[in-house]
Amino acid sequence: MPERGRSCAYEAVVFDMDGVVVEPTDRAVLVDAVVDTFAAFGVEIDRGFAERTVAEDFVPVEAARDHGLDPEAFWHQRELTASLAQQAHVRDGGKSLYDDVAAIRDLDRPLALVSNNQHATVEYLLAHHAIGDRFESARGRAPTLAGAARRKPEPDYLEAALADLGTTDALYVGDSEKDVVAATRAGIDSAYLRRLHVADVDLSAEPTFEVSDLRALLDRLGA
């Protein structure tokens, strides 16, 4: 795609987590978490429905109500279950750190991380991979319905990280269209990281530029 946008001398760089810093979560882990959450309330849910909630990334509020569950209590349990399941997945070797993440240590500007994953999962992964000290701010979603509503493509968590960094002269690096849209809504540039798992994805929202890996990003930033 043609390059566009202004200078790449950003004051700060913000990264997405899953698919950018660490490998994406195995979808079966998240589907199991949905099934297990309903089971914790005594409800046997169709696995196909659970798979759809994960694939389409929606909060099953109506399904919870249909089974006589309080949506807020259900969602809090779902977030706890999903976070603990991902942490176990990490201990079993999942969600590895990408090799090129080492390159970001050469970036001589403030860095932050903003993820749609649970904040507890973000904190666990940063500690597990011993990279938390590299980010001045790390934001994941709160385990509430309001927290879920603030996920990307909404800019809320991204704007909070920018406030932590004290600048809006920043670049957001992500691997999804939601990341591109969130950056646009926050008024900053975006870099689409076209790793193998999104190699053939067509975007309807245009990022400021694309890179193939984080080393290419550093080259683009002149680091």
Foldseek 3Di string as FASTA:
>chain_A
DDFDDDALQFQEEEEEQDPAFWDHDDLVLLLVLLQVLCVVVVDGDDSVVSSVCSVVVDQPQVVCVVVVHDSFVSLLSSLVSSLVSVLVVVVVPHGGGDPCVVVCVPDPHAYEYEYQREPSNQVSVCVVVVPVVRHLYYDYFHSGPVSNVCGFLRQVRVLVSCVSRPDLRYEYEEADLRSQSNNVNSPYFYEHACEPVNVPPDHPRDGSYYDPHVVRVCVSSVD
